[in-house]
């Protein structure tokens, strides 16, 4: 009654606790090692931004709280279609 049946399949077999910790440690060390090697071997790319000269006057700031004197009218974006002019029918 006290005997266990032999385990025939791999999924039924248990790994000893020491080897489970060794496996976890090796996987963790491999991931950390890969990250460190990648960090050391891959160079930074060139920086390509150019901010040019930024306006320093308070009136030129985008955060200005005063309204403009006269709002600019937007120009037409596309030409009117033929035959839809302002003339009479």
C-alpha atoms as a PDB file:
ATOM      1  CA  UNK A   1       0.000   0.000   0.000  1.00  0.00           C
ATOM      2  CA  UNK A   2       2.830   2.433   0.788  1.00  0.00           C
ATOM      3  CA  UNK A   3       4.526   1.980  -2.578  1.00  0.00           C
ATOM      4  CA  UNK A   4       4.003   4.544  -5.304  1.00  0.00           C
ATOM      5  CA  UNK A   5       3.567   3.550  -8.890  1.00  0.00           C
ATOM      6  CA  UNK A   6       6.576   4.260 -11.093  1.00  0.00           C
ATOM      7  CA  UNK A   7       6.319   7.523 -13.008  1.00  0.00           C
ATOM      8  CA  UNK A   8       6.541   6.744 -16.690  1.00  0.00           C
ATOM      9  CA  UNK A   9       6.130  10.222 -18.184  1.00  0.00           C
ATOM     10  CA  UNK A  10       8.411  13.250 -17.828  1.00  0.00           C
ATOM     11  CA  UNK A  11       5.601  15.556 -16.743  1.00  0.00           C
ATOM     12  CA  UNK A  12       4.906  13.308 -13.778  1.00  0.00           C
ATOM     13  CA  UNK A  13       8.505  13.364 -12.561  1.00  0.00           C
ATOM     14  CA  UNK A  14       9.596  16.072 -10.136  1.00  0.00           C
ATOM     15  CA  UNK A  15      12.877  17.926 -10.277  1.00  0.00           C
ATOM     16  CA  UNK A  16      14.823  18.045  -7.001  1.00  0.00           C
ATOM     17  CA  UNK A  17      14.541  21.426  -5.276  1.00  0.00           C
ATOM     18  CA  UNK A  18      18.268  22.170  -5.559  1.00  0.00           C
ATOM     19  CA  UNK A  19      18.220  21.673  -9.331  1.00  0.00           C
ATOM     20  CA  UNK A  20      15.111  23.818  -9.654  1.00  0.00           C
ATOM     21  CA  UNK A  21      16.953  26.719  -7.973  1.00  0.00           C
ATOM     22  CA  UNK A  22      20.046  26.092 -10.121  1.00  0.00           C
ATOM     23  CA  UNK A  23      17.884  26.236 -13.255  1.00  0.00           C
ATOM     24  CA  UNK A  24      16.191  29.488 -12.180  1.00  0.00           C
ATOM     25  CA  UNK A  25      19.552  31.035 -11.286  1.00  0.00           C
ATOM     26  CA  UNK A  26      21.097  30.040 -14.627  1.00  0.00           C
ATOM     27  CA  UNK A  27      18.164  31.440 -16.608  1.00  0.00           C
ATOM     28  CA  UNK A  28      18.320  34.701 -14.635  1.00  0.00           C
ATOM     29  CA  UNK A  29      22.080  34.964 -15.109  1.00  0.00           C
ATOM     30  CA  UNK A  30      21.693  34.329 -18.844  1.00  0.00           C
ATOM     31  CA  UNK A  31      19.090  37.091 -19.208  1.00  0.00           C
ATOM     32  CA  UNK A  32      21.180  39.544 -17.176  1.00  0.00           C
ATOM     33  CA  UNK A  33      24.320  38.609 -19.105  1.00  0.00           C
ATOM     34  CA  UNK A  34      22.556  39.150 -22.423  1.00  0.00           C
ATOM     35  CA  UNK A  35      21.336  42.561 -21.276  1.00  0.00           C
ATOM     36  CA  UNK A  36      24.784  43.635 -20.063  1.00  0.00           C
ATOM     37  CA  UNK A  37      26.509  42.471 -23.248  1.00  0.00           C
ATOM     38  CA  UNK A  38      23.898  44.255 -25.369  1.00  0.00           C
ATOM     39  CA  UNK A  39      24.287  47.445 -23.308  1.00  0.00           C
ATOM     40  CA  UNK A  40      28.064  47.371 -23.743  1.00  0.00           C
ATOM     41  CA  UNK A  41      28.138  46.513 -27.456  1.00  0.00           C
ATOM     42  CA  UNK A  42      25.343  48.696 -28.886  1.00  0.00           C
ATOM     43  CA  UNK A  43      26.367  52.337 -29.288  1.00  0.00           C
ATOM     44  CA  UNK A  44      24.057  55.308 -28.930  1.00  0.00           C
ATOM     45  CA  UNK A  45      22.756  56.743 -32.189  1.00  0.00           C
ATOM     46  CA  UNK A  46      23.618  60.290 -33.234  1.00  0.00           C
ATOM     47  CA  UNK A  47      21.385  63.020 -31.857  1.00  0.00           C
ATOM     48  CA  UNK A  48      19.614  64.775 -34.698  1.00  0.00           C
ATOM     49  CA  UNK A  49      17.478  67.453 -33.120  1.00  0.00           C
ATOM     50  CA  UNK A  50      17.967  71.139 -33.798  1.00  0.00           C
ATOM     51  CA  UNK A  51      15.952  73.583 -31.722  1.00  0.00           C
ATOM     52  CA  UNK A  52      17.494  76.639 -33.390  1.00  0.00           C
ATOM     53  CA  UNK A  53      16.873  79.938 -31.642  1.00  0.00           C
ATOM     54  CA  UNK A  54      13.919  79.981 -29.287  1.00  0.00           C
ATOM     55  CA  UNK A  55      12.005  83.215 -28.766  1.00  0.00           C
ATOM     56  CA  UNK A  56      12.806  84.663 -25.377  1.00  0.00           C
ATOM     57  CA  UNK A  57      10.502  87.678 -25.299  1.00  0.00           C
ATOM     58  CA  UNK A  58       7.333  87.162 -23.196  1.00  0.00           C
ATOM     59  CA  UNK A  59       5.102  88.403 -26.021  1.00  0.00           C
ATOM     60  CA  UNK A  60       6.462  85.712 -28.350  1.00  0.00           C
ATOM     61  CA  UNK A  61       5.778  82.873 -25.925  1.00  0.00           C
ATOM     62  CA  UNK A  62       3.134  80.306 -26.746  1.00  0.00           C
ATOM     63  CA  UNK A  63       1.970  80.695 -23.153  1.00  0.00           C
ATOM     64  CA  UNK A  64       1.168  84.389 -23.574  1.00  0.00           C
ATOM     65  CA  UNK A  65      -2.191  85.253 -21.974  1.00  0.00           C
ATOM     66  CA  UNK A  66      -3.053  88.392 -23.964  1.00  0.00           C
ATOM     67  CA  UNK A  67      -5.127  88.059 -27.110  1.00  0.00           C
ATOM     68  CA  UNK A  68      -3.783  89.241 -30.453  1.00  0.00           C
ATOM     69  CA  UNK A  69      -5.095  92.586 -31.715  1.00  0.00           C
ATOM     70  CA  UNK A  70      -6.520  91.237 -34.963  1.00  0.00           C
ATOM     71  CA  UNK A  71      -6.925  87.537 -35.652  1.00  0.00           C
ATOM     72  CA  UNK A  72      -5.356  86.479 -38.903  1.00  0.00           C
ATOM     73  CA  UNK A  73      -7.712  85.155 -41.561  1.00  0.00           C
ATOM     74  CA  UNK A  74      -6.756  81.776 -42.956  1.00  0.00           C
ATOM     75  CA  UNK A  75      -6.118  81.752 -46.709  1.00  0.00           C
ATOM     76  CA  UNK A  76      -8.218  79.420 -48.839  1.00  0.00           C
ATOM     77  CA  UNK A  77      -6.724  75.956 -48.885  1.00  0.00           C
ATOM     78  CA  UNK A  78      -8.047  74.795 -52.249  1.00  0.00           C
ATOM     79  CA  UNK A  79      -9.387  76.562 -55.299  1.00  0.00           C
ATOM     80  CA  UNK A  80     -13.185  76.591 -55.794  1.00  0.00           C
ATOM     81  CA  UNK A  81     -14.566  73.965 -58.162  1.00  0.00           C
ATOM     82  CA  UNK A  82     -15.384  75.037 -61.701  1.00  0.00           C
ATOM     83  CA  UNK A  83     -18.960  76.209 -62.144  1.00  0.00           C
ATOM     84  CA  UNK A  84     -19.430  77.087 -58.461  1.00  0.00           C
ATOM     85  CA  UNK A  85     -18.411  80.701 -58.782  1.00  0.00           C
ATOM     86  CA  UNK A  86     -20.313  83.676 -57.444  1.00  0.00           C
ATOM     87  CA  UNK A  87     -21.943  84.538 -60.771  1.00  0.00           C
ATOM     88  CA  UNK A  88     -25.643  84.207 -61.647  1.00  0.00           C
ATOM     89  CA  UNK A  89     -27.222  81.167 -63.275  1.00  0.00           C
END
